[in-house]
Amino acid sequence: MNAIEFSSRIEKGKIVVPKKYKDFDNEEVRVILLVNDSKTSLSKKEAILKTLNKMKKEKMFSVIQDPVLWQKGIRNEWE
């Protein structure tokens, strides 16, 4: 099986195969569509920003008196 990659647009339910692949005309092929979905990546970005903004409002680390001591305590949990 040969793998060939090219970019195209679906127009009226059809994909135009570039002319340089004319040797494969009338061959049986398996087609896999990979669609660039900018909406999904944007929504992930929005979710991360929303979470970061929520963390900022919660002031999660304001109760830490000595950041160095707190960090050493966190590192001790790893050992």
PDB file of N, CA and C in Angstrom:
ATOM      1  N   MET A   1       0.849  -1.177   0.000  1.00  0.00           N
ATOM      2  CA  MET A   1       0.000   0.000   0.000  1.00  0.00           C
ATOM      3  C   MET A   1       0.896   1.242   0.000  1.00  0.00           C
ATOM      4  N   ASN A   2       0.577   2.206  -0.835  1.00  0.00           N
ATOM      5  CA  ASN A   2       1.291   3.475  -0.900  1.00  0.00           C
ATOM      6  C   ASN A   2       0.509   4.525  -0.121  1.00  0.00           C
ATOM      7  N   ALA A   3       1.223   5.385   0.592  1.00  0.00           N
ATOM      8  CA  ALA A   3       0.587   6.497   1.303  1.00  0.00           C
ATOM      9  C   ALA A   3       0.919   7.783   0.570  1.00  0.00           C
ATOM     10  N   ILE A   4      -0.100   8.530   0.238  1.00  0.00           N
ATOM     11  CA  ILE A   4       0.065   9.796  -0.466  1.00  0.00           C
ATOM     12  C   ILE A   4      -0.678  10.860   0.336  1.00  0.00           C
ATOM     13  N   GLU A   5      -0.032  11.993   0.516  1.00  0.00           N
ATOM     14  CA  GLU A   5      -0.673  13.075   1.264  1.00  0.00           C
ATOM     15  C   GLU A   5      -0.752  14.316   0.394  1.00  0.00           C
ATOM     16  N   PHE A   6      -1.920  14.955   0.397  1.00  0.00           N
ATOM     17  CA  PHE A   6      -2.089  16.230  -0.283  1.00  0.00           C
ATOM     18  C   PHE A   6      -3.246  16.953   0.384  1.00  0.00           C
ATOM     19  N   SER A   7      -3.296  18.243   0.187  1.00  0.00           N
ATOM     20  CA  SER A   7      -4.391  19.047   0.735  1.00  0.00           C
ATOM     21  C   SER A   7      -5.367  19.371  -0.377  1.00  0.00           C
ATOM     22  N   SER A   8      -6.640  19.383  -0.011  1.00  0.00           N
ATOM     23  CA  SER A   8      -7.675  19.671  -0.995  1.00  0.00           C
ATOM     24  C   SER A   8      -8.879  20.233  -0.261  1.00  0.00           C
ATOM     25  N   ARG A   9      -9.873  20.602  -1.001  1.00  0.00           N
ATOM     26  CA  ARG A   9     -11.122  21.085  -0.422  1.00  0.00           C
ATOM     27  C   ARG A   9     -12.257  20.205  -0.924  1.00  0.00           C
ATOM     28  N   ILE A  10     -13.187  19.922  -0.030  1.00  0.00           N
ATOM     29  CA  ILE A  10     -14.365  19.152  -0.447  1.00  0.00           C
ATOM     30  C   ILE A  10     -15.365  20.143  -1.030  1.00  0.00           C
ATOM     31  N   GLU A  11     -15.732  19.929  -2.287  1.00  0.00           N
ATOM     32  CA  GLU A  11     -16.699  20.797  -2.958  1.00  0.00           C
ATOM     33  C   GLU A  11     -17.827  19.956  -3.524  1.00  0.00           C
ATOM     34  N   LYS A  12     -19.011  20.199  -3.016  1.00  0.00           N
ATOM     35  CA  LYS A  12     -20.196  19.461  -3.432  1.00  0.00           C
ATOM     36  C   LYS A  12     -19.992  17.955  -3.254  1.00  0.00           C
ATOM     37  N   GLY A  13     -19.333  17.594  -2.154  1.00  0.00           N
ATOM     38  CA  GLY A  13     -19.147  16.185  -1.838  1.00  0.00           C
ATOM     39  C   GLY A  13     -18.024  15.498  -2.596  1.00  0.00           C
ATOM     40  N   LYS A  14     -17.200  16.257  -3.307  1.00  0.00           N
ATOM     41  CA  LYS A  14     -16.129  15.658  -4.094  1.00  0.00           C
ATOM     42  C   LYS A  14     -14.781  16.260  -3.713  1.00  0.00           C
ATOM     43  N   ILE A  15     -13.755  15.418  -3.746  1.00  0.00           N
ATOM     44  CA  ILE A  15     -12.392  15.843  -3.509  1.00  0.00           C
ATOM     45  C   ILE A  15     -11.633  15.695  -4.818  1.00  0.00           C
ATOM     46  N   VAL A  16     -10.968  16.752  -5.236  1.00  0.00           N
ATOM     47  CA  VAL A  16     -10.181  16.705  -6.465  1.00  0.00           C
ATOM     48  C   VAL A  16      -8.789  16.198  -6.119  1.00  0.00           C
ATOM     49  N   VAL A  17      -8.398  15.124  -6.786  1.00  0.00           N
ATOM     50  CA  VAL A  17      -7.066  14.547  -6.603  1.00  0.00           C
ATOM     51  C   VAL A  17      -6.124  15.249  -7.576  1.00  0.00           C
ATOM     52  N   PRO A  18      -4.963  15.712  -7.118  1.00  0.00           N
ATOM     53  CA  PRO A  18      -4.031  16.402  -8.018  1.00  0.00           C
ATOM     54  C   PRO A  18      -3.660  15.550  -9.239  1.00  0.00           C
ATOM     55  N   LYS A  19      -3.432  16.218 -10.350  1.00  0.00           N
ATOM     56  CA  LYS A  19      -3.133  15.547 -11.620  1.00  0.00           C
ATOM     57  C   LYS A  19      -1.886  14.666 -11.551  1.00  0.00           C
ATOM     58  N   LYS A  20      -0.959  14.998 -10.669  1.00  0.00           N
ATOM     59  CA  LYS A  20       0.269  14.191 -10.614  1.00  0.00           C
ATOM     60  C   LYS A  20       0.012  12.766 -10.113  1.00  0.00           C
ATOM     61  N   TYR A  21      -1.191  12.507  -9.595  1.00  0.00           N
ATOM     62  CA  TYR A  21      -1.538  11.160  -9.147  1.00  0.00           C
ATOM     63  C   TYR A  21      -2.468  10.454 -10.147  1.00  0.00           C
ATOM     64  N   LYS A  22      -2.428  10.872 -11.408  1.00  0.00           N
ATOM     65  CA  LYS A  22      -3.321  10.298 -12.430  1.00  0.00           C
ATOM     66  C   LYS A  22      -3.066   8.809 -12.656  1.00  0.00           C
ATOM     67  N   ASP A  23      -1.877   8.328 -12.276  1.00  0.00           N
ATOM     68  CA  ASP A  23      -1.571   6.898 -12.448  1.00  0.00           C
ATOM     69  C   ASP A  23      -2.454   6.014 -11.574  1.00  0.00           C
ATOM     70  N   PHE A  24      -3.048   6.602 -10.549  1.00  0.00           N
ATOM     71  CA  PHE A  24      -3.908   5.835  -9.649  1.00  0.00           C
ATOM     72  C   PHE A  24      -5.379   5.879 -10.071  1.00  0.00           C
ATOM     73  N   ASP A  25      -5.647   6.438 -11.237  1.00  0.00           N
ATOM     74  CA  ASP A  25      -7.019   6.509 -11.731  1.00  0.00           C
ATOM     75  C   ASP A  25      -7.610   5.107 -11.853  1.00  0.00           C
ATOM     76  N   ASN A  26      -8.822   4.940 -11.377  1.00  0.00           N
ATOM     77  CA  ASN A  26      -9.572   3.679 -11.371  1.00  0.00           C
ATOM     78  C   ASN A  26      -9.008   2.636 -10.407  1.00  0.00           C
ATOM     79  N   GLU A  27      -8.108   3.040  -9.525  1.00  0.00           N
ATOM     80  CA  GLU A  27      -7.589   2.130  -8.499  1.00  0.00           C
ATOM     81  C   GLU A  27      -8.505   2.188  -7.275  1.00  0.00           C
ATOM     82  N   GLU A  28      -8.571   1.096  -6.566  1.00  0.00           N
ATOM     83  CA  GLU A  28      -9.318   1.091  -5.306  1.00  0.00           C
ATOM     84  C   GLU A  28      -8.410   1.703  -4.239  1.00  0.00           C
ATOM     85  N   VAL A  29      -8.944   2.660  -3.498  1.00  0.00           N
ATOM     86  CA  VAL A  29      -8.150   3.362  -2.481  1.00  0.00           C
ATOM     87  C   VAL A  29      -8.905   3.416  -1.159  1.00  0.00           C
ATOM     88  N   ARG A  30      -8.142   3.637  -0.121  1.00  0.00           N
ATOM     89  CA  ARG A  30      -8.733   3.879   1.199  1.00  0.00           C
ATOM     90  C   ARG A  30      -8.476   5.340   1.518  1.00  0.00           C
ATOM     91  N   VAL A  31      -9.511   6.064   1.929  1.00  0.00           N
ATOM     92  CA  VAL A  31      -9.410   7.501   2.168  1.00  0.00           C
ATOM     93  C   VAL A  31      -9.618   7.785   3.651  1.00  0.00           C
ATOM     94  N   ILE A  32      -8.713   8.577   4.206  1.00  0.00           N
ATOM     95  CA  ILE A  32      -8.839   9.026   5.589  1.00  0.00           C
ATOM     96  C   ILE A  32      -8.852  10.546   5.558  1.00  0.00           C
ATOM     97  N   LEU A  33      -9.872  11.159   6.122  1.00  0.00           N
ATOM     98  CA  LEU A  33      -9.969  12.612   6.153  1.00  0.00           C
ATOM     99  C   LEU A  33      -9.465  13.135   7.491  1.00  0.00           C
ATOM    100  N   LEU A  34      -8.543  14.070   7.460  1.00  0.00           N
ATOM    101  CA  LEU A  34      -8.071  14.772   8.646  1.00  0.00           C
ATOM    102  C   LEU A  34      -8.505  16.224   8.486  1.00  0.00           C
ATOM    103  N   VAL A  35      -9.404  16.664   9.330  1.00  0.00           N
ATOM    104  CA  VAL A  35      -9.972  17.998   9.198  1.00  0.00           C
ATOM    105  C   VAL A  35      -9.358  18.921  10.244  1.00  0.00           C
ATOM    106  N   ASN A  36      -8.852  20.065   9.794  1.00  0.00           N
ATOM    107  CA  ASN A  36      -8.360  21.072  10.725  1.00  0.00           C
ATOM    108  C   ASN A  36      -9.564  21.720  11.391  1.00  0.00           C
ATOM    109  N   ASP A  37      -9.662  21.556  12.691  1.00  0.00           N
ATOM    110  CA  ASP A  37     -10.815  22.085  13.416  1.00  0.00           C
ATOM    111  C   ASP A  37     -10.370  23.209  14.334  1.00  0.00           C
ATOM    112  N   SER A  38     -10.377  24.424  13.823  1.00  0.00           N
ATOM    113  CA  SER A  38      -9.937  25.570  14.615  1.00  0.00           C
ATOM    114  C   SER A  38     -10.909  25.885  15.750  1.00  0.00           C
ATOM    115  N   LYS A  39     -12.171  25.485  15.630  1.00  0.00           N
ATOM    116  CA  LYS A  39     -13.144  25.743  16.691  1.00  0.00           C
ATOM    117  C   LYS A  39     -12.796  24.973  17.956  1.00  0.00           C
ATOM    118  N   THR A  40     -12.353  23.735  17.819  1.00  0.00           N
ATOM    119  CA  THR A  40     -11.994  22.925  18.985  1.00  0.00           C
ATOM    120  C   THR A  40     -10.792  23.503  19.695  1.00  0.00           C
ATOM    121  N   SER A  41      -9.763  23.856  18.951  1.00  0.00           N
ATOM    122  CA  SER A  41      -8.572  24.399  19.596  1.00  0.00           C
ATOM    123  C   SER A  41      -8.878  25.736  20.254  1.00  0.00           C
ATOM    124  N   LEU A  42      -9.746  26.511  19.661  1.00  0.00           N
ATOM    125  CA  LEU A  42     -10.121  27.781  20.255  1.00  0.00           C
ATOM    126  C   LEU A  42     -10.887  27.555  21.542  1.00  0.00           C
ATOM    127  N   SER A  43     -11.791  26.597  21.563  1.00  0.00           N
ATOM    128  CA  SER A  43     -12.561  26.341  22.771  1.00  0.00           C
ATOM    129  C   SER A  43     -11.671  25.804  23.887  1.00  0.00           C
ATOM    130  N   LYS A  44     -10.630  25.023  23.536  1.00  0.00           N
ATOM    131  CA  LYS A  44      -9.688  24.563  24.552  1.00  0.00           C
ATOM    132  C   LYS A  44      -8.931  25.748  25.136  1.00  0.00           C
ATOM    133  N   LYS A  45      -8.532  26.676  24.276  1.00  0.00           N
ATOM    134  CA  LYS A  45      -7.828  27.876  24.729  1.00  0.00           C
ATOM    135  C   LYS A  45      -8.727  28.688  25.653  1.00  0.00           C
ATOM    136  N   GLU A  46      -9.979  28.835  25.278  1.00  0.00           N
ATOM    137  CA  GLU A  46     -10.929  29.581  26.107  1.00  0.00           C
ATOM    138  C   GLU A  46     -11.125  28.902  27.458  1.00  0.00           C
ATOM    139  N   ALA A  47     -11.158  27.574  27.484  1.00  0.00           N
ATOM    140  CA  ALA A  47     -11.331  26.839  28.739  1.00  0.00           C
ATOM    141  C   ALA A  47     -10.137  27.045  29.661  1.00  0.00           C
ATOM    142  N   ILE A  48      -8.944  27.031  29.094  1.00  0.00           N
ATOM    143  CA  ILE A  48      -7.741  27.251  29.902  1.00  0.00           C
ATOM    144  C   ILE A  48      -7.733  28.662  30.468  1.00  0.00           C
ATOM    145  N   LEU A  49      -8.054  29.650  29.636  1.00  0.00           N
ATOM    146  CA  LEU A  49      -8.099  31.034  30.107  1.00  0.00           C
ATOM    147  C   LEU A  49      -9.148  31.229  31.194  1.00  0.00           C
ATOM    148  N   LYS A  50     -10.281  30.580  31.036  1.00  0.00           N
ATOM    149  CA  LYS A  50     -11.342  30.671  32.032  1.00  0.00           C
ATOM    150  C   LYS A  50     -10.867  30.090  33.368  1.00  0.00           C
ATOM    151  N   THR A  51     -10.187  28.948  33.314  1.00  0.00           N
ATOM    152  CA  THR A  51      -9.669  28.317  34.528  1.00  0.00           C
ATOM    153  C   THR A  51      -8.609  29.192  35.196  1.00  0.00           C
ATOM    154  N   LEU A  52      -7.715  29.760  34.392  1.00  0.00           N
ATOM    155  CA  LEU A  52      -6.679  30.633  34.953  1.00  0.00           C
ATOM    156  C   LEU A  52      -7.282  31.878  35.601  1.00  0.00           C
ATOM    157  N   ASN A  53      -8.294  32.453  34.968  1.00  0.00           N
ATOM    158  CA  ASN A  53      -8.966  33.612  35.553  1.00  0.00           C
ATOM    159  C   ASN A  53      -9.673  33.253  36.854  1.00  0.00           C
ATOM    160  N   LYS A  54     -10.261  32.071  36.890  1.00  0.00           N
ATOM    161  CA  LYS A  54     -10.918  31.614  38.115  1.00  0.00           C
ATOM    162  C   LYS A  54      -9.888  31.423  39.232  1.00  0.00           C
ATOM    163  N   MET A  55      -8.730  30.857  38.891  1.00  0.00           N
ATOM    164  CA  MET A  55      -7.667  30.669  39.877  1.00  0.00           C
ATOM    165  C   MET A  55      -7.179  32.014  40.408  1.00  0.00           C
ATOM    166  N   LYS A  56      -7.107  33.008  39.535  1.00  0.00           N
ATOM    167  CA  LYS A  56      -6.661  34.337  39.941  1.00  0.00           C
ATOM    168  C   LYS A  56      -7.627  34.940  40.976  1.00  0.00           C
ATOM    169  N   LYS A  57      -8.920  34.739  40.771  1.00  0.00           N
ATOM    170  CA  LYS A  57      -9.934  35.284  41.687  1.00  0.00           C
ATOM    171  C   LYS A  57      -9.938  34.558  43.025  1.00  0.00           C
ATOM    172  N   GLU A  58      -9.628  33.267  43.012  1.00  0.00           N
ATOM    173  CA  GLU A  58      -9.647  32.460  44.245  1.00  0.00           C
ATOM    174  C   GLU A  58      -8.486  32.796  45.175  1.00  0.00           C
ATOM    175  N   LYS A  59      -7.441  33.399  44.635  1.00  0.00           N
ATOM    176  CA  LYS A  59      -6.242  33.714  45.414  1.00  0.00           C
ATOM    177  C   LYS A  59      -5.767  32.481  46.169  1.00  0.00           C
ATOM    178  N   MET A  60      -5.520  31.443  45.403  1.00  0.00           N
ATOM    179  CA  MET A  60      -5.190  30.125  45.937  1.00  0.00           C
ATOM    180  C   MET A  60      -3.954  30.117  46.830  1.00  0.00           C
ATOM    181  N   PHE A  61      -2.988  30.958  46.546  1.00  0.00           N
ATOM    182  CA  PHE A  61      -1.724  30.906  47.267  1.00  0.00           C
ATOM    183  C   PHE A  61      -1.577  32.018  48.294  1.00  0.00           C
ATOM    184  N   SER A  62      -2.615  32.767  48.543  1.00  0.00           N
ATOM    185  CA  SER A  62      -2.523  33.891  49.479  1.00  0.00           C
ATOM    186  C   SER A  62      -2.316  33.449  50.924  1.00  0.00           C
ATOM    187  N   VAL A  63      -2.637  32.201  51.242  1.00  0.00           N
ATOM    188  CA  VAL A  63      -2.475  31.712  52.627  1.00  0.00           C
ATOM    189  C   VAL A  63      -1.048  31.257  52.921  1.00  0.00           C
ATOM    190  N   ILE A  64      -0.194  31.238  51.929  1.00  0.00           N
ATOM    191  CA  ILE A  64       1.189  30.774  52.113  1.00  0.00           C
ATOM    192  C   ILE A  64       2.006  31.902  52.746  1.00  0.00           C
ATOM    193  N   GLN A  65       2.500  31.650  53.957  1.00  0.00           N
ATOM    194  CA  GLN A  65       3.295  32.643  54.679  1.00  0.00           C
ATOM    195  C   GLN A  65       4.727  32.703  54.145  1.00  0.00           C
ATOM    196  N   ASP A  66       5.360  31.537  53.976  1.00  0.00           N
ATOM    197  CA  ASP A  66       6.753  31.447  53.552  1.00  0.00           C
ATOM    198  C   ASP A  66       6.816  30.564  52.292  1.00  0.00           C
ATOM    199  N   PRO A  67       6.886  31.178  51.118  1.00  0.00           N
ATOM    200  CA  PRO A  67       6.863  30.410  49.867  1.00  0.00           C
ATOM    201  C   PRO A  67       7.991  29.386  49.748  1.00  0.00           C
ATOM    202  N   VAL A  68       9.190  29.717  50.254  1.00  0.00           N
ATOM    203  CA  VAL A  68      10.315  28.792  50.146  1.00  0.00           C
ATOM    204  C   VAL A  68      10.054  27.548  50.992  1.00  0.00           C
ATOM    205  N   LEU A  69       9.571  27.742  52.208  1.00  0.00           N
ATOM    206  CA  LEU A  69       9.252  26.624  53.097  1.00  0.00           C
ATOM    207  C   LEU A  69       8.121  25.779  52.499  1.00  0.00           C
ATOM    208  N   TRP A  70       7.128  26.437  51.933  1.00  0.00           N
ATOM    209  CA  TRP A  70       6.005  25.729  51.291  1.00  0.00           C
ATOM    210  C   TRP A  70       6.513  24.876  50.129  1.00  0.00           C
ATOM    211  N   GLN A  71       7.406  25.458  49.318  1.00  0.00           N
ATOM    212  CA  GLN A  71       7.945  24.720  48.169  1.00  0.00           C
ATOM    213  C   GLN A  71       8.766  23.511  48.623  1.00  0.00           C
ATOM    214  N   LYS A  72       9.551  23.669  49.679  1.00  0.00           N
ATOM    215  CA  LYS A  72      10.319  22.540  50.207  1.00  0.00           C
ATOM    216  C   LYS A  72       9.391  21.435  50.687  1.00  0.00           C
ATOM    217  N   GLY A  73       8.279  21.802  51.298  1.00  0.00           N
ATOM    218  CA  GLY A  73       7.299  20.821  51.757  1.00  0.00           C
ATOM    219  C   GLY A  73       6.690  20.048  50.595  1.00  0.00           C
ATOM    220  N   ILE A  74       6.406  20.763  49.514  1.00  0.00           N
ATOM    221  CA  ILE A  74       5.853  20.118  48.308  1.00  0.00           C
ATOM    222  C   ILE A  74       6.882  19.130  47.745  1.00  0.00           C
ATOM    223  N   ARG A  75       8.122  19.531  47.681  1.00  0.00           N
ATOM    224  CA  ARG A  75       9.174  18.659  47.139  1.00  0.00           C
ATOM    225  C   ARG A  75       9.372  17.430  48.009  1.00  0.00           C
ATOM    226  N   ASN A  76       9.200  17.551  49.296  1.00  0.00           N
ATOM    227  CA  ASN A  76       9.341  16.390  50.194  1.00  0.00           C
ATOM    228  C   ASN A  76       8.255  15.350  49.923  1.00  0.00           C
ATOM    229  N   GLU A  77       7.113  15.765  49.409  1.00  0.00           N
ATOM    230  CA  GLU A  77       6.052  14.813  49.096  1.00  0.00           C
ATOM    231  C   GLU A  77       6.462  13.903  47.928  1.00  0.00           C
ATOM    232  N   TRP A  78       7.350  14.364  47.073  1.00  0.00           N
ATOM    233  CA  TRP A  78       7.779  13.601  45.905  1.00  0.00           C
ATOM    234  C   TRP A  78       8.749  12.498  46.260  1.00  0.00           C
ATOM    235  N   GLU A  79       9.426  12.639  47.372  1.00  0.00           N
ATOM    236  CA  GLU A  79      10.462  11.661  47.715  1.00  0.00           C
ATOM    237  C   GLU A  79       9.910  10.488  48.481  1.00  0.00           C
TER     238      GLU A  79
END
